[in-house]
């Protein structure tokens, strides 16, 4: 076996290792205490000595000035504030927030809990997780939370309207 074969084997092995390890590296996980609730779908979690801003992926809660916006924030606080949570995220949004699913100490997903309570929309533009859509549908059919309103306005539409004024 010559040096060319050894070099090719090394490259192949290195490439294989990168492919195997990439999913592990790309999917960050950490446990931290929730030290702040910004709104229904944004929290601050202590990580490596600093408060990291987390945006709950796949859900969009009403804005603070929308109907149920304050209730969504209160619900997130009730479930998560002061708790040790597990954060699963692998990317950041344009504001630098970590996009993540957050698991509560009892193993429930905070993201899913908001949908179940009727305090969030499935943010299908950024999540193709059909389970989230099913949770929204169930809350809508049961007229829970914001679905008790006759014509709830999704936050992305509300934000667009507010920018226009």
C-alpha atoms as a PDB file:
ATOM      1  CA  UNK A   1       0.000   0.000   0.000  1.00  0.00           C
ATOM      2  CA  UNK A   2       1.440   3.283  -1.063  1.00  0.00           C
ATOM      3  CA  UNK A   3       1.116   6.774   0.390  1.00  0.00           C
ATOM      4  CA  UNK A   4      -1.780   7.599  -1.964  1.00  0.00           C
ATOM      5  CA  UNK A   5      -3.885   4.720  -0.631  1.00  0.00           C
ATOM      6  CA  UNK A   6      -3.085   5.704   2.983  1.00  0.00           C
ATOM      7  CA  UNK A   7      -4.044   9.323   2.251  1.00  0.00           C
ATOM      8  CA  UNK A   8      -7.326   8.229   0.655  1.00  0.00           C
ATOM      9  CA  UNK A   9      -8.112   5.981   3.635  1.00  0.00           C
ATOM     10  CA  UNK A  10      -7.372   8.826   6.045  1.00  0.00           C
ATOM     11  CA  UNK A  11      -9.657  11.206   4.131  1.00  0.00           C
ATOM     12  CA  UNK A  12     -12.437   8.630   3.957  1.00  0.00           C
ATOM     13  CA  UNK A  13     -12.147   7.885   7.687  1.00  0.00           C
ATOM     14  CA  UNK A  14     -12.092  11.592   8.567  1.00  0.00           C
ATOM     15  CA  UNK A  15     -15.132  12.272   6.381  1.00  0.00           C
ATOM     16  CA  UNK A  16     -17.000   9.359   7.939  1.00  0.00           C
ATOM     17  CA  UNK A  17     -16.238  10.632  11.452  1.00  0.00           C
ATOM     18  CA  UNK A  18     -17.412  14.141  10.565  1.00  0.00           C
ATOM     19  CA  UNK A  19     -20.664  12.741   9.139  1.00  0.00           C
ATOM     20  CA  UNK A  20     -21.255  10.629  12.243  1.00  0.00           C
ATOM     21  CA  UNK A  21     -20.444  13.365  14.744  1.00  0.00           C
ATOM     22  CA  UNK A  22     -22.115  16.296  12.974  1.00  0.00           C
ATOM     23  CA  UNK A  23     -25.650  15.499  14.187  1.00  0.00           C
ATOM     24  CA  UNK A  24     -24.375  15.328  17.778  1.00  0.00           C
ATOM     25  CA  UNK A  25     -22.582  18.655  17.534  1.00  0.00           C
ATOM     26  CA  UNK A  26     -25.360  20.379  15.591  1.00  0.00           C
ATOM     27  CA  UNK A  27     -28.045  19.475  18.140  1.00  0.00           C
ATOM     28  CA  UNK A  28     -27.024  21.342  21.275  1.00  0.00           C
ATOM     29  CA  UNK A  29     -28.536  20.386  24.601  1.00  0.00           C
ATOM     30  CA  UNK A  30     -28.104  21.975  27.987  1.00  0.00           C
ATOM     31  CA  UNK A  31     -29.850  22.185  31.325  1.00  0.00           C
ATOM     32  CA  UNK A  32     -30.335  25.541  32.996  1.00  0.00           C
ATOM     33  CA  UNK A  33     -32.569  27.548  35.284  1.00  0.00           C
ATOM     34  CA  UNK A  34     -35.214  29.804  33.729  1.00  0.00           C
ATOM     35  CA  UNK A  35     -34.369  33.277  35.047  1.00  0.00           C
ATOM     36  CA  UNK A  36     -36.653  35.352  32.843  1.00  0.00           C
ATOM     37  CA  UNK A  37     -39.837  35.191  30.811  1.00  0.00           C
ATOM     38  CA  UNK A  38     -39.886  37.813  28.070  1.00  0.00           C
ATOM     39  CA  UNK A  39     -43.223  36.797  26.569  1.00  0.00           C
ATOM     40  CA  UNK A  40     -45.149  33.610  25.929  1.00  0.00           C
ATOM     41  CA  UNK A  41     -42.604  32.131  23.534  1.00  0.00           C
ATOM     42  CA  UNK A  42     -39.315  33.708  24.677  1.00  0.00           C
ATOM     43  CA  UNK A  43     -37.440  32.959  27.893  1.00  0.00           C
ATOM     44  CA  UNK A  44     -33.996  33.436  29.445  1.00  0.00           C
ATOM     45  CA  UNK A  45     -32.135  30.370  30.682  1.00  0.00           C
ATOM     46  CA  UNK A  46     -28.828  30.349  32.568  1.00  0.00           C
ATOM     47  CA  UNK A  47     -26.132  28.656  30.494  1.00  0.00           C
ATOM     48  CA  UNK A  48     -22.409  28.769  31.210  1.00  0.00           C
ATOM     49  CA  UNK A  49     -22.815  31.661  33.628  1.00  0.00           C
ATOM     50  CA  UNK A  50     -24.986  33.905  31.466  1.00  0.00           C
ATOM     51  CA  UNK A  51     -28.676  34.268  30.679  1.00  0.00           C
ATOM     52  CA  UNK A  52     -29.213  32.914  27.181  1.00  0.00           C
ATOM     53  CA  UNK A  53     -32.288  34.064  25.305  1.00  0.00           C
ATOM     54  CA  UNK A  54     -34.385  31.161  24.006  1.00  0.00           C
ATOM     55  CA  UNK A  55     -37.160  31.386  21.390  1.00  0.00           C
ATOM     56  CA  UNK A  56     -39.512  28.402  21.567  1.00  0.00           C
ATOM     57  CA  UNK A  57     -39.387  26.765  18.162  1.00  0.00           C
ATOM     58  CA  UNK A  58     -42.527  25.808  16.270  1.00  0.00           C
ATOM     59  CA  UNK A  59     -44.932  28.011  18.236  1.00  0.00           C
ATOM     60  CA  UNK A  60     -45.931  31.659  18.088  1.00  0.00           C
ATOM     61  CA  UNK A  61     -47.784  33.158  21.051  1.00  0.00           C
ATOM     62  CA  UNK A  62     -49.905  36.288  20.831  1.00  0.00           C
ATOM     63  CA  UNK A  63     -47.908  39.485  21.249  1.00  0.00           C
ATOM     64  CA  UNK A  64     -48.150  41.233  24.622  1.00  0.00           C
ATOM     65  CA  UNK A  65     -50.677  43.803  23.344  1.00  0.00           C
ATOM     66  CA  UNK A  66     -52.829  41.170  21.632  1.00  0.00           C
ATOM     67  CA  UNK A  67     -55.676  39.337  23.351  1.00  0.00           C
ATOM     68  CA  UNK A  68     -54.182  36.437  25.334  1.00  0.00           C
ATOM     69  CA  UNK A  69     -50.639  37.837  25.010  1.00  0.00           C
ATOM     70  CA  UNK A  70     -50.416  38.546  28.736  1.00  0.00           C
ATOM     71  CA  UNK A  71     -52.032  35.195  29.563  1.00  0.00           C
ATOM     72  CA  UNK A  72     -49.491  33.347  27.379  1.00  0.00           C
ATOM     73  CA  UNK A  73     -46.631  35.064  29.237  1.00  0.00           C
ATOM     74  CA  UNK A  74     -48.224  34.258  32.610  1.00  0.00           C
ATOM     75  CA  UNK A  75     -48.686  30.609  31.631  1.00  0.00           C
ATOM     76  CA  UNK A  76     -45.064  30.313  30.519  1.00  0.00           C
ATOM     77  CA  UNK A  77     -44.016  31.859  33.846  1.00  0.00           C
ATOM     78  CA  UNK A  78     -46.240  29.477  35.829  1.00  0.00           C
ATOM     79  CA  UNK A  79     -44.746  26.443  34.110  1.00  0.00           C
ATOM     80  CA  UNK A  80     -41.117  27.442  33.691  1.00  0.00           C
ATOM     81  CA  UNK A  81     -39.896  30.399  35.773  1.00  0.00           C
ATOM     82  CA  UNK A  82     -37.347  29.286  38.357  1.00  0.00           C
ATOM     83  CA  UNK A  83     -37.330  25.729  36.993  1.00  0.00           C
ATOM     84  CA  UNK A  84     -34.386  23.685  35.738  1.00  0.00           C
ATOM     85  CA  UNK A  85     -35.256  22.977  32.102  1.00  0.00           C
ATOM     86  CA  UNK A  86     -33.588  21.074  29.287  1.00  0.00           C
ATOM     87  CA  UNK A  87     -33.029  23.109  26.133  1.00  0.00           C
ATOM     88  CA  UNK A  88     -32.741  21.367  22.750  1.00  0.00           C
ATOM     89  CA  UNK A  89     -31.718  23.750  19.997  1.00  0.00           C
ATOM     90  CA  UNK A  90     -29.471  23.820  16.983  1.00  0.00           C
ATOM     91  CA  UNK A  91     -29.832  27.246  15.413  1.00  0.00           C
ATOM     92  CA  UNK A  92     -30.363  30.927  16.106  1.00  0.00           C
ATOM     93  CA  UNK A  93     -32.843  33.400  14.722  1.00  0.00           C
ATOM     94  CA  UNK A  94     -31.984  36.780  13.220  1.00  0.00           C
ATOM     95  CA  UNK A  95     -32.088  38.324  16.714  1.00  0.00           C
ATOM     96  CA  UNK A  96     -29.479  35.894  18.050  1.00  0.00           C
ATOM     97  CA  UNK A  97     -31.930  33.860  20.129  1.00  0.00           C
ATOM     98  CA  UNK A  98     -31.467  30.106  20.345  1.00  0.00           C
ATOM     99  CA  UNK A  99     -34.383  28.361  18.628  1.00  0.00           C
ATOM    100  CA  UNK A 100     -35.269  25.435  20.849  1.00  0.00           C
ATOM    101  CA  UNK A 101     -37.680  22.991  22.315  1.00  0.00           C
ATOM    102  CA  UNK A 102     -37.728  23.335  26.091  1.00  0.00           C
ATOM    103  CA  UNK A 103     -38.518  20.401  28.344  1.00  0.00           C
ATOM    104  CA  UNK A 104     -39.878  21.068  31.816  1.00  0.00           C
ATOM    105  CA  UNK A 105     -38.633  19.110  34.861  1.00  0.00           C
ATOM    106  CA  UNK A 106     -41.547  16.658  34.511  1.00  0.00           C
ATOM    107  CA  UNK A 107     -40.522  15.921  30.901  1.00  0.00           C
ATOM    108  CA  UNK A 108     -43.334  17.880  29.241  1.00  0.00           C
ATOM    109  CA  UNK A 109     -42.524  20.153  26.315  1.00  0.00           C
ATOM    110  CA  UNK A 110     -43.167  23.828  27.120  1.00  0.00           C
ATOM    111  CA  UNK A 111     -43.699  24.416  23.396  1.00  0.00           C
ATOM    112  CA  UNK A 112     -46.429  21.773  23.259  1.00  0.00           C
ATOM    113  CA  UNK A 113     -47.997  22.877  26.565  1.00  0.00           C
ATOM    114  CA  UNK A 114     -48.668  26.336  25.103  1.00  0.00           C
ATOM    115  CA  UNK A 115     -50.438  24.795  22.116  1.00  0.00           C
ATOM    116  CA  UNK A 116     -52.456  22.414  24.314  1.00  0.00           C
ATOM    117  CA  UNK A 117     -53.647  25.351  26.434  1.00  0.00           C
ATOM    118  CA  UNK A 118     -54.715  27.304  23.355  1.00  0.00           C
ATOM    119  CA  UNK A 119     -52.132  30.014  23.989  1.00  0.00           C
ATOM    120  CA  UNK A 120     -50.078  29.671  20.804  1.00  0.00           C
ATOM    121  CA  UNK A 121     -50.311  29.006  17.108  1.00  0.00           C
ATOM    122  CA  UNK A 122     -48.320  26.309  15.361  1.00  0.00           C
ATOM    123  CA  UNK A 123     -45.670  28.391  13.572  1.00  0.00           C
ATOM    124  CA  UNK A 124     -45.764  26.232  10.442  1.00  0.00           C
ATOM    125  CA  UNK A 125     -43.566  28.671   8.517  1.00  0.00           C
ATOM    126  CA  UNK A 126     -40.636  27.604  10.713  1.00  0.00           C
ATOM    127  CA  UNK A 127     -41.676  24.115  11.815  1.00  0.00           C
ATOM    128  CA  UNK A 128     -42.984  21.194   9.826  1.00  0.00           C
ATOM    129  CA  UNK A 129     -43.673  19.143  12.988  1.00  0.00           C
ATOM    130  CA  UNK A 130     -47.192  17.867  12.338  1.00  0.00           C
ATOM    131  CA  UNK A 131     -47.666  16.973  16.025  1.00  0.00           C
ATOM    132  CA  UNK A 132     -47.710  20.696  16.779  1.00  0.00           C
ATOM    133  CA  UNK A 133     -50.414  21.210  14.177  1.00  0.00           C
ATOM    134  CA  UNK A 134     -52.491  18.457  15.757  1.00  0.00           C
ATOM    135  CA  UNK A 135     -52.175  20.057  19.218  1.00  0.00           C
ATOM    136  CA  UNK A 136     -53.312  23.396  17.779  1.00  0.00           C
ATOM    137  CA  UNK A 137     -56.266  21.691  16.082  1.00  0.00           C
ATOM    138  CA  UNK A 138     -57.323  20.009  19.341  1.00  0.00           C
ATOM    139  CA  UNK A 139     -57.187  23.304  21.281  1.00  0.00           C
ATOM    140  CA  UNK A 140     -59.075  25.077  18.490  1.00  0.00           C
ATOM    141  CA  UNK A 141     -61.822  22.422  18.442  1.00  0.00           C
ATOM    142  CA  UNK A 142     -62.152  22.622  22.237  1.00  0.00           C
ATOM    143  CA  UNK A 143     -62.206  26.453  22.057  1.00  0.00           C
ATOM    144  CA  UNK A 144     -59.399  26.697  24.597  1.00  0.00           C
ATOM    145  CA  UNK A 145     -57.591  29.956  25.301  1.00  0.00           C
ATOM    146  CA  UNK A 146     -57.393  32.258  22.307  1.00  0.00           C
ATOM    147  CA  UNK A 147     -59.589  29.857  20.327  1.00  0.00           C
ATOM    148  CA  UNK A 148     -62.557  31.011  22.449  1.00  0.00           C
ATOM    149  CA  UNK A 149     -62.341  34.288  20.503  1.00  0.00           C
ATOM    150  CA  UNK A 150     -64.474  34.454  17.337  1.00  0.00           C
ATOM    151  CA  UNK A 151     -61.619  35.600  15.060  1.00  0.00           C
ATOM    152  CA  UNK A 152     -58.181  35.357  16.699  1.00  0.00           C
ATOM    153  CA  UNK A 153     -55.461  37.135  14.717  1.00  0.00           C
ATOM    154  CA  UNK A 154     -52.191  35.215  14.323  1.00  0.00           C
ATOM    155  CA  UNK A 155     -49.236  37.161  15.736  1.00  0.00           C
ATOM    156  CA  UNK A 156     -47.394  37.261  12.395  1.00  0.00           C
ATOM    157  CA  UNK A 157     -50.407  39.024  10.842  1.00  0.00           C
ATOM    158  CA  UNK A 158     -50.726  41.327  13.856  1.00  0.00           C
ATOM    159  CA  UNK A 159     -47.035  42.291  13.628  1.00  0.00           C
ATOM    160  CA  UNK A 160     -47.434  43.082   9.913  1.00  0.00           C
ATOM    161  CA  UNK A 161     -50.438  45.303  10.639  1.00  0.00           C
ATOM    162  CA  UNK A 162     -48.564  47.128  13.414  1.00  0.00           C
ATOM    163  CA  UNK A 163     -45.590  47.814  11.109  1.00  0.00           C
ATOM    164  CA  UNK A 164     -47.966  49.356   8.569  1.00  0.00           C
ATOM    165  CA  UNK A 165     -49.252  51.898  11.138  1.00  0.00           C
END
